[in-house]
Amino acid sequence: MPEISRFLGIQIFMYFNEHNPPHFHVEYNEYKVSIHIDTLGILEGKVPSKVMGLVVEWAEDHQDELMKNWKSLQSTGEYFKITPLV
């Protein structure tokens, strides 16, 4: 499971050959959540609301990169790191 970004104790992952819809995974301490790339809505799981706010802020700035990573992982298995929230 490639880690594509990490900031403030929040880890962002994408899996190889993952099911649709396009999404990414977030882990923070014992919390885990899957987030839809297009809507930035929660597909499954939960994280504290402050963490979710930070993830959405980061994802809004990198939505195109997230989708490019999704497509690349599905077609070639290659991915690239995305700049963390600063």
C-alpha atoms as a PDB file:
ATOM      1  CA  MET A   1       0.000   0.000   0.000  1.00  0.00           C
ATOM      2  CA  PRO A   2       1.915   3.045  -1.208  1.00  0.00           C
ATOM      3  CA  GLU A   3       2.038   6.020   1.114  1.00  0.00           C
ATOM      4  CA  ILE A   4       1.522   9.072  -1.070  1.00  0.00           C
ATOM      5  CA  SER A   5       1.714  11.743   1.645  1.00  0.00           C
ATOM      6  CA  ARG A   6       2.181  12.225   5.392  1.00  0.00           C
ATOM      7  CA  PHE A   7       1.620  15.288   7.551  1.00  0.00           C
ATOM      8  CA  LEU A   8       0.780  16.041  11.192  1.00  0.00           C
ATOM      9  CA  GLY A   9       0.618  12.327  12.007  1.00  0.00           C
ATOM     10  CA  ILE A  10      -1.843  11.723   9.145  1.00  0.00           C
ATOM     11  CA  GLN A  11      -0.902   9.097   6.555  1.00  0.00           C
ATOM     12  CA  ILE A  12      -2.425   9.089   3.055  1.00  0.00           C
ATOM     13  CA  PHE A  13      -2.395   5.829   1.063  1.00  0.00           C
ATOM     14  CA  MET A  14      -3.676   4.328  -2.162  1.00  0.00           C
ATOM     15  CA  TYR A  15      -3.834   0.630  -2.959  1.00  0.00           C
ATOM     16  CA  PHE A  16      -2.800  -1.103  -6.185  1.00  0.00           C
ATOM     17  CA  ASN A  17      -5.705  -2.465  -8.294  1.00  0.00           C
ATOM     18  CA  GLU A  18      -8.343  -0.912  -6.047  1.00  0.00           C
ATOM     19  CA  HIS A  19     -12.099  -0.941  -6.716  1.00  0.00           C
ATOM     20  CA  ASN A  20     -14.062   2.075  -7.963  1.00  0.00           C
ATOM     21  CA  PRO A  21     -14.971   4.787  -7.146  1.00  0.00           C
ATOM     22  CA  PRO A  22     -11.571   6.510  -7.124  1.00  0.00           C
ATOM     23  CA  HIS A  23     -10.586   7.067  -3.503  1.00  0.00           C
ATOM     24  CA  PHE A  24      -7.719   7.252  -1.044  1.00  0.00           C
ATOM     25  CA  HIS A  25      -7.193   5.939   2.461  1.00  0.00           C
ATOM     26  CA  VAL A  26      -6.315   7.929   5.563  1.00  0.00           C
ATOM     27  CA  GLU A  27      -4.860   6.591   8.796  1.00  0.00           C
ATOM     28  CA  TYR A  28      -4.502   8.629  11.950  1.00  0.00           C
ATOM     29  CA  ASN A  29      -3.622   6.789  15.172  1.00  0.00           C
ATOM     30  CA  GLU A  30      -6.272   4.045  15.477  1.00  0.00           C
ATOM     31  CA  TYR A  31      -8.637   5.732  12.991  1.00  0.00           C
ATOM     32  CA  LYS A  32      -9.050   4.782   9.332  1.00  0.00           C
ATOM     33  CA  VAL A  33     -11.211   6.286   6.618  1.00  0.00           C
ATOM     34  CA  SER A  34     -11.634   5.991   2.839  1.00  0.00           C
ATOM     35  CA  ILE A  35     -12.359   9.230   0.976  1.00  0.00           C
ATOM     36  CA  HIS A  36     -13.878   9.646  -2.498  1.00  0.00           C
ATOM     37  CA  ILE A  37     -11.544  11.740  -4.679  1.00  0.00           C
ATOM     38  CA  ASP A  38     -14.272  13.551  -6.637  1.00  0.00           C
ATOM     39  CA  THR A  39     -16.564  14.532  -3.756  1.00  0.00           C
ATOM     40  CA  LEU A  40     -14.096  14.311  -0.847  1.00  0.00           C
ATOM     41  CA  GLY A  41     -16.858  12.538   1.042  1.00  0.00           C
ATOM     42  CA  ILE A  42     -16.339   9.594   3.365  1.00  0.00           C
ATOM     43  CA  LEU A  43     -16.871   6.177   1.793  1.00  0.00           C
ATOM     44  CA  GLU A  44     -16.109   4.153   4.902  1.00  0.00           C
ATOM     45  CA  GLY A  45     -14.663   4.598   8.372  1.00  0.00           C
ATOM     46  CA  LYS A  46     -14.117   7.698  10.452  1.00  0.00           C
ATOM     47  CA  VAL A  47     -11.484  10.052  11.813  1.00  0.00           C
ATOM     48  CA  PRO A  48     -11.780  12.943  14.271  1.00  0.00           C
ATOM     49  CA  SER A  49     -13.468  15.973  12.677  1.00  0.00           C
ATOM     50  CA  LYS A  50     -10.341  18.142  13.016  1.00  0.00           C
ATOM     51  CA  VAL A  51      -8.309  15.507  11.136  1.00  0.00           C
ATOM     52  CA  MET A  52     -11.012  15.229   8.463  1.00  0.00           C
ATOM     53  CA  GLY A  53     -10.903  19.011   8.030  1.00  0.00           C
ATOM     54  CA  LEU A  54      -7.139  18.923   7.495  1.00  0.00           C
ATOM     55  CA  VAL A  55      -7.415  16.020   5.042  1.00  0.00           C
ATOM     56  CA  VAL A  56     -10.130  17.779   3.029  1.00  0.00           C
ATOM     57  CA  GLU A  57      -8.087  21.005   2.983  1.00  0.00           C
ATOM     58  CA  TRP A  58      -5.074  19.064   1.672  1.00  0.00           C
ATOM     59  CA  ALA A  59      -7.135  17.029  -0.814  1.00  0.00           C
ATOM     60  CA  GLU A  60      -8.834  20.125  -2.268  1.00  0.00           C
ATOM     61  CA  ASP A  61      -5.376  21.481  -3.148  1.00  0.00           C
ATOM     62  CA  HIS A  62      -4.271  18.150  -4.678  1.00  0.00           C
ATOM     63  CA  GLN A  63      -7.423  16.682  -6.228  1.00  0.00           C
ATOM     64  CA  ASP A  64      -5.908  16.527  -9.735  1.00  0.00           C
ATOM     65  CA  GLU A  65      -2.767  14.854  -8.414  1.00  0.00           C
ATOM     66  CA  LEU A  66      -4.843  12.346  -6.457  1.00  0.00           C
ATOM     67  CA  MET A  67      -6.758  11.394  -9.605  1.00  0.00           C
ATOM     68  CA  LYS A  68      -3.532  11.098 -11.624  1.00  0.00           C
ATOM     69  CA  ASN A  69      -2.112   8.826  -8.926  1.00  0.00           C
ATOM     70  CA  TRP A  70      -5.311   6.736  -8.940  1.00  0.00           C
ATOM     71  CA  LYS A  71      -5.168   6.260 -12.721  1.00  0.00           C
ATOM     72  CA  SER A  72      -1.435   5.534 -12.706  1.00  0.00           C
ATOM     73  CA  LEU A  73      -1.684   2.958  -9.915  1.00  0.00           C
ATOM     74  CA  GLN A  74      -4.554   1.202 -11.699  1.00  0.00           C
ATOM     75  CA  SER A  75      -2.856   1.106 -15.120  1.00  0.00           C
ATOM     76  CA  THR A  76       0.881   0.820 -14.413  1.00  0.00           C
ATOM     77  CA  GLY A  77       1.271   0.310 -10.660  1.00  0.00           C
ATOM     78  CA  GLU A  78       3.391   3.453 -10.467  1.00  0.00           C
ATOM     79  CA  TYR A  79       2.694   6.350  -8.127  1.00  0.00           C
ATOM     80  CA  PHE A  80       4.262   9.591  -6.955  1.00  0.00           C
ATOM     81  CA  LYS A  81       4.401  11.395  -3.635  1.00  0.00           C
ATOM     82  CA  ILE A  82       2.166  14.412  -3.108  1.00  0.00           C
ATOM     83  CA  THR A  83       3.328  17.456  -1.138  1.00  0.00           C
ATOM     84  CA  PRO A  84       2.072  17.378   2.453  1.00  0.00           C
ATOM     85  CA  LEU A  85      -0.097  20.056   4.055  1.00  0.00           C
ATOM     86  CA  VAL A  86       2.096  22.870   5.306  1.00  0.00           C
END
